[in-house]
Protein backbone atom coordinates (compact mmCIF):
# COMPACT_ATOMS: atom_id res chain seq x y z
CA UNK A 1 -0.04 -0.02 0.15
CA UNK A 2 1.50 3.33 -1.01
CA UNK A 3 1.77 5.94 1.91
CA UNK A 4 -0.79 8.35 0.11
CA UNK A 5 -3.60 5.50 0.04
CA UNK A 6 -2.91 4.71 4.12
CA UNK A 7 -2.88 8.38 4.72
CA UNK A 8 -6.55 8.91 2.93
CA UNK A 9 -7.44 5.65 4.70
CA UNK A 10 -6.35 7.01 8.33
CA UNK A 11 -7.97 10.47 7.60
CA UNK A 12 -11.31 8.76 6.96
CA UNK A 13 -11.03 7.23 10.28
CA UNK A 14 -10.84 3.57 8.91
CA UNK A 15 -8.90 0.83 10.72
CA UNK A 16 -5.74 0.77 9.51
CA UNK A 17 -4.27 -1.72 11.71
CA UNK A 18 -4.46 -4.61 9.44
CA UNK A 19 -1.98 -2.74 7.31
CA UNK A 20 0.56 -2.28 9.95
CA UNK A 21 3.58 -4.72 10.63
CA UNK A 22 3.12 -4.42 14.41
CA UNK A 23 5.86 -7.21 15.14
CA UNK A 24 8.61 -4.68 15.44
CA UNK A 25 6.49 -1.89 17.04
CA UNK A 26 8.54 -0.23 19.96
CA UNK A 27 7.02 2.71 22.05
CA UNK A 28 9.94 5.17 22.42
CA UNK A 29 11.68 5.74 25.83
CA UNK A 30 9.97 2.37 27.22
CA UNK A 31 13.32 0.13 27.40
CA UNK A 32 13.55 -1.32 30.69
CA UNK A 33 16.63 -0.97 32.70
CA UNK A 34 17.31 -2.50 36.13
CA UNK A 35 18.10 -0.48 38.88
CA UNK A 36 18.50 -1.86 42.81
CA UNK A 37 17.26 0.39 45.49
CA UNK A 38 17.70 -0.43 49.14
CA UNK A 39 14.37 0.49 51.42
CA UNK A 40 14.35 0.78 54.96
CA UNK A 41 12.06 -2.69 56.12
CA UNK A 42 9.65 -0.18 57.21
CA UNK A 43 9.39 1.25 53.75
CA UNK A 44 9.03 -1.99 52.18
CA UNK A 45 6.22 -2.94 54.60
CA UNK A 46 4.05 -0.10 53.57
CA UNK A 47 4.64 -0.70 50.33
CA UNK A 48 3.55 -4.16 50.36
CA UNK A 49 0.46 -3.48 52.25
CA UNK A 50 -0.54 -0.43 50.09
CA UNK A 51 -0.11 -2.76 46.95
CA UNK A 52 -1.76 -5.74 48.56
CA UNK A 53 -4.71 -3.15 48.98
CA UNK A 54 -4.64 -2.04 45.61
CA UNK A 55 -4.56 -5.86 44.42
CA UNK A 56 -0.94 -4.97 42.50
CA UNK A 57 2.47 -5.65 43.05
CA UNK A 58 5.05 -3.76 44.86
CA UNK A 59 7.30 -3.14 41.92
CA UNK A 60 4.20 -1.33 40.23
CA UNK A 61 3.08 0.74 43.14
CA UNK A 62 6.73 1.95 43.04
CA UNK A 63 6.77 2.63 39.34
CA UNK A 64 3.50 4.28 39.44
CA UNK A 65 4.15 6.92 42.53
CA UNK A 66 7.67 7.34 40.95
CA UNK A 67 5.97 8.06 37.58
CA UNK A 68 3.39 10.50 39.50
CA UNK A 69 6.15 12.41 41.14
CA UNK A 70 8.02 12.87 38.19
CA UNK A 71 5.39 14.29 36.13
CA UNK A 72 4.58 16.78 38.75
CA UNK A 73 8.28 17.94 38.63
CA UNK A 74 7.94 18.24 35.28
CA UNK A 75 4.75 20.26 35.38
CA UNK A 76 6.44 22.53 38.26
CA UNK A 77 9.12 23.13 35.91
CA UNK A 78 7.12 24.42 33.17
CA UNK A 79 4.86 26.67 35.40
């Protein structure tokens, strides 16, 4: 399919996913990097308690909270 045809189909609101090769699709800046962080035991206990309450893993809650804080910091820089 030519780019022009693809663009017309997309602009018309048609589903173009069948025309894409998603096998090699990647989200930018989403490569995982492993880091080790030491937390005091009381903090791990609180993280585990909150993670259980929300039904998620400790790692998930740490990622979400860090992401939220980084977004706040970025918003404060822009303001």
